[in-house]
Amino acid sequence: ESTETIEQCAVRELEEESGIVTTDIHRRGYIVFKMAELNQMLRVHVYETWNFVGEAVETEEMRPQWYKESDIPFDKMWLDDKYWLPHVLAGKSILARFEFEDEETITEYDVKVQD
């Protein structure tokens, strides 16, 4: 929505896409994706929450599944996730850039980890 802050948008999207309700989010990252094949650039804000109400439900956007951190199936996820998600799960913040030739090929990337 045009009048929302990024944080308000994250809270709304979380509820719409998962059924989880929260007002307590913490920024953990910012990622820029350059998609050469699509001639597109995407900017993604990463947030986390540990205080929420409700249970994650399947929606058009997602099918929730729970894993131990040691069992996260990175080989079934977006290619970039394995480079930045472990840092966020460890409580760190990230600033990252990924350049994709196509959905299957990362041509360049940079992940800066912050405490």
C-alpha atoms as a PDB file:
ATOM      1  CA  GLU A   1       0.000   0.000   0.000  1.00  0.00           C
ATOM      2  CA  SER A   2       1.317   3.453  -0.889  1.00  0.00           C
ATOM      3  CA  THR A   3       0.862   4.908   2.610  1.00  0.00           C
ATOM      4  CA  GLU A   4       2.570   2.046   4.468  1.00  0.00           C
ATOM      5  CA  THR A   5       6.056   2.014   5.882  1.00  0.00           C
ATOM      6  CA  ILE A   6       8.222  -0.962   4.946  1.00  0.00           C
ATOM      7  CA  GLU A   7       7.668  -2.375   8.451  1.00  0.00           C
ATOM      8  CA  GLN A   8       3.869  -2.005   8.180  1.00  0.00           C
ATOM      9  CA  CYS A   9       4.005  -3.727   4.797  1.00  0.00           C
ATOM     10  CA  ALA A  10       6.046  -6.611   6.263  1.00  0.00           C
ATOM     11  CA  VAL A  11       3.529  -7.105   9.080  1.00  0.00           C
ATOM     12  CA  ARG A  12       0.583  -7.038   6.633  1.00  0.00           C
ATOM     13  CA  GLU A  13       2.269  -9.379   4.146  1.00  0.00           C
ATOM     14  CA  LEU A  14       3.158 -11.835   6.923  1.00  0.00           C
ATOM     15  CA  GLU A  15      -0.491 -12.074   7.924  1.00  0.00           C
ATOM     16  CA  GLU A  16      -1.804 -12.256   4.351  1.00  0.00           C
ATOM     17  CA  GLU A  17       0.714 -14.859   3.210  1.00  0.00           C
ATOM     18  CA  SER A  18       0.947 -17.046   6.323  1.00  0.00           C
ATOM     19  CA  GLY A  19      -1.919 -16.308   8.714  1.00  0.00           C
ATOM     20  CA  ILE A  20       0.537 -15.214  11.428  1.00  0.00           C
ATOM     21  CA  VAL A  21      -0.137 -11.920  13.225  1.00  0.00           C
ATOM     22  CA  THR A  22       2.575  -9.804  14.859  1.00  0.00           C
ATOM     23  CA  THR A  23       3.533  -6.210  15.495  1.00  0.00           C
ATOM     24  CA  ASP A  24       6.986  -7.076  16.850  1.00  0.00           C
ATOM     25  CA  ILE A  25       9.366  -7.379  13.898  1.00  0.00           C
ATOM     26  CA  HIS A  26      13.094  -6.815  13.681  1.00  0.00           C
ATOM     27  CA  ARG A  27      14.988  -5.912  10.539  1.00  0.00           C
ATOM     28  CA  ARG A  28      17.639  -8.488   9.704  1.00  0.00           C
ATOM     29  CA  GLY A  29      18.648  -7.610   6.193  1.00  0.00           C
ATOM     30  CA  TYR A  30      18.419  -6.015   2.817  1.00  0.00           C
ATOM     31  CA  ILE A  31      19.068  -7.883  -0.417  1.00  0.00           C
ATOM     32  CA  VAL A  32      19.304  -6.600  -3.970  1.00  0.00           C
ATOM     33  CA  PHE A  33      18.697  -9.095  -6.750  1.00  0.00           C
ATOM     34  CA  LYS A  34      19.701  -8.322 -10.323  1.00  0.00           C
ATOM     35  CA  MET A  35      17.897 -10.663 -12.709  1.00  0.00           C
ATOM     36  CA  ALA A  36      19.664 -10.401 -16.092  1.00  0.00           C
ATOM     37  CA  GLU A  37      17.288 -12.723 -17.947  1.00  0.00           C
ATOM     38  CA  LEU A  38      14.289 -10.629 -16.876  1.00  0.00           C
ATOM     39  CA  ASN A  39      16.125  -7.298 -17.071  1.00  0.00           C
ATOM     40  CA  GLN A  40      14.835  -6.638 -13.564  1.00  0.00           C
ATOM     41  CA  MET A  41      16.153  -5.553 -10.191  1.00  0.00           C
ATOM     42  CA  LEU A  42      14.424  -6.590  -6.959  1.00  0.00           C
ATOM     43  CA  ARG A  43      14.953  -5.096  -3.521  1.00  0.00           C
ATOM     44  CA  VAL A  44      14.038  -7.315  -0.575  1.00  0.00           C
ATOM     45  CA  HIS A  45      13.821  -6.362   3.091  1.00  0.00           C
ATOM     46  CA  VAL A  46      14.330  -9.243   5.548  1.00  0.00           C
ATOM     47  CA  TYR A  47      12.579  -9.250   8.932  1.00  0.00           C
ATOM     48  CA  GLU A  48      12.171 -11.734  11.754  1.00  0.00           C
ATOM     49  CA  THR A  49       9.771 -12.120  14.641  1.00  0.00           C
ATOM     50  CA  TRP A  50       9.592 -14.420  17.629  1.00  0.00           C
ATOM     51  CA  ASN A  51       6.410 -12.916  19.090  1.00  0.00           C
ATOM     52  CA  PHE A  52       3.334 -13.790  17.090  1.00  0.00           C
ATOM     53  CA  VAL A  53      -0.206 -15.093  17.321  1.00  0.00           C
ATOM     54  CA  GLY A  54      -1.651 -17.841  15.196  1.00  0.00           C
ATOM     55  CA  GLU A  55      -0.394 -20.835  13.319  1.00  0.00           C
ATOM     56  CA  ALA A  56       1.167 -20.700   9.864  1.00  0.00           C
ATOM     57  CA  VAL A  57      -1.263 -21.893   7.210  1.00  0.00           C
ATOM     58  CA  GLU A  58      -0.850 -22.828   3.569  1.00  0.00           C
ATOM     59  CA  THR A  59      -1.688 -20.017   1.166  1.00  0.00           C
ATOM     60  CA  GLU A  60      -1.131 -19.276  -2.516  1.00  0.00           C
ATOM     61  CA  GLU A  61       2.233 -17.777  -1.511  1.00  0.00           C
ATOM     62  CA  MET A  62       3.589 -20.533   0.729  1.00  0.00           C
ATOM     63  CA  ARG A  63       3.322 -23.998   2.200  1.00  0.00           C
ATOM     64  CA  PRO A  64       4.843 -23.873   5.700  1.00  0.00           C
ATOM     65  CA  GLN A  65       7.198 -26.647   6.726  1.00  0.00           C
ATOM     66  CA  TRP A  66       9.355 -26.818   9.837  1.00  0.00           C
ATOM     67  CA  TYR A  67      12.942 -28.073   9.951  1.00  0.00           C
ATOM     68  CA  LYS A  68      15.776 -28.249  12.421  1.00  0.00           C
ATOM     69  CA  GLU A  69      18.362 -25.659  11.410  1.00  0.00           C
ATOM     70  CA  SER A  70      20.770 -28.478  10.594  1.00  0.00           C
ATOM     71  CA  ASP A  71      18.205 -30.049   8.227  1.00  0.00           C
ATOM     72  CA  ILE A  72      17.124 -27.025   6.186  1.00  0.00           C
ATOM     73  CA  PRO A  73      16.804 -28.289   2.575  1.00  0.00           C
ATOM     74  CA  PHE A  74      18.800 -25.550   0.853  1.00  0.00           C
ATOM     75  CA  ASP A  75      19.000 -27.704  -2.287  1.00  0.00           C
ATOM     76  CA  LYS A  76      15.207 -27.279  -2.686  1.00  0.00           C
ATOM     77  CA  MET A  77      15.189 -23.519  -2.071  1.00  0.00           C
ATOM     78  CA  TRP A  78      16.203 -20.435  -4.053  1.00  0.00           C
ATOM     79  CA  LEU A  79      19.918 -20.640  -4.878  1.00  0.00           C
ATOM     80  CA  ASP A  80      20.847 -17.559  -2.859  1.00  0.00           C
ATOM     81  CA  ASP A  81      19.233 -18.701   0.427  1.00  0.00           C
ATOM     82  CA  LYS A  82      22.198 -20.849   1.469  1.00  0.00           C
ATOM     83  CA  TYR A  83      24.489 -17.804   1.377  1.00  0.00           C
ATOM     84  CA  TRP A  84      22.501 -15.479   3.635  1.00  0.00           C
ATOM     85  CA  LEU A  85      19.804 -17.359   5.597  1.00  0.00           C
ATOM     86  CA  PRO A  86      22.201 -19.162   7.994  1.00  0.00           C
ATOM     87  CA  HIS A  87      23.517 -15.772   9.149  1.00  0.00           C
ATOM     88  CA  VAL A  88      20.008 -14.473   9.849  1.00  0.00           C
ATOM     89  CA  LEU A  89      19.110 -17.669  11.706  1.00  0.00           C
ATOM     90  CA  ALA A  90      22.256 -17.135  13.815  1.00  0.00           C
ATOM     91  CA  GLY A  91      20.932 -13.712  14.893  1.00  0.00           C
ATOM     92  CA  LYS A  92      23.078 -11.653  12.534  1.00  0.00           C
ATOM     93  CA  SER A  93      21.977  -9.006  10.055  1.00  0.00           C
ATOM     94  CA  ILE A  94      22.984  -9.063   6.424  1.00  0.00           C
ATOM     95  CA  LEU A  95      23.429  -6.731   3.490  1.00  0.00           C
ATOM     96  CA  ALA A  96      23.609  -8.719   0.261  1.00  0.00           C
ATOM     97  CA  ARG A  97      23.655  -8.516  -3.522  1.00  0.00           C
ATOM     98  CA  PHE A  98      23.003 -11.345  -5.967  1.00  0.00           C
ATOM     99  CA  GLU A  99      23.254 -11.249  -9.731  1.00  0.00           C
ATOM    100  CA  PHE A 100      21.428 -14.016 -11.570  1.00  0.00           C
ATOM    101  CA  GLU A 101      21.932 -14.928 -15.213  1.00  0.00           C
ATOM    102  CA  ASP A 102      18.744 -17.011 -14.954  1.00  0.00           C
ATOM    103  CA  GLU A 103      16.878 -18.804 -12.136  1.00  0.00           C
ATOM    104  CA  GLU A 104      19.535 -21.517 -12.033  1.00  0.00           C
ATOM    105  CA  THR A 105      22.734 -19.437 -12.247  1.00  0.00           C
ATOM    106  CA  ILE A 106      24.229 -16.915  -9.820  1.00  0.00           C
ATOM    107  CA  THR A 107      26.965 -15.046 -11.672  1.00  0.00           C
ATOM    108  CA  GLU A 108      28.114 -12.848  -8.786  1.00  0.00           C
ATOM    109  CA  TYR A 109      27.218 -12.239  -5.166  1.00  0.00           C
ATOM    110  CA  ASP A 110      28.313 -10.460  -2.023  1.00  0.00           C
ATOM    111  CA  VAL A 111      27.018 -10.979   1.529  1.00  0.00           C
ATOM    112  CA  LYS A 112      28.123  -8.654   4.298  1.00  0.00           C
ATOM    113  CA  VAL A 113      27.345  -9.910   7.811  1.00  0.00           C
ATOM    114  CA  GLN A 114      26.753  -7.468  10.650  1.00  0.00           C
ATOM    115  CA  ASP A 115      26.427  -8.173  14.372  1.00  0.00           C
END
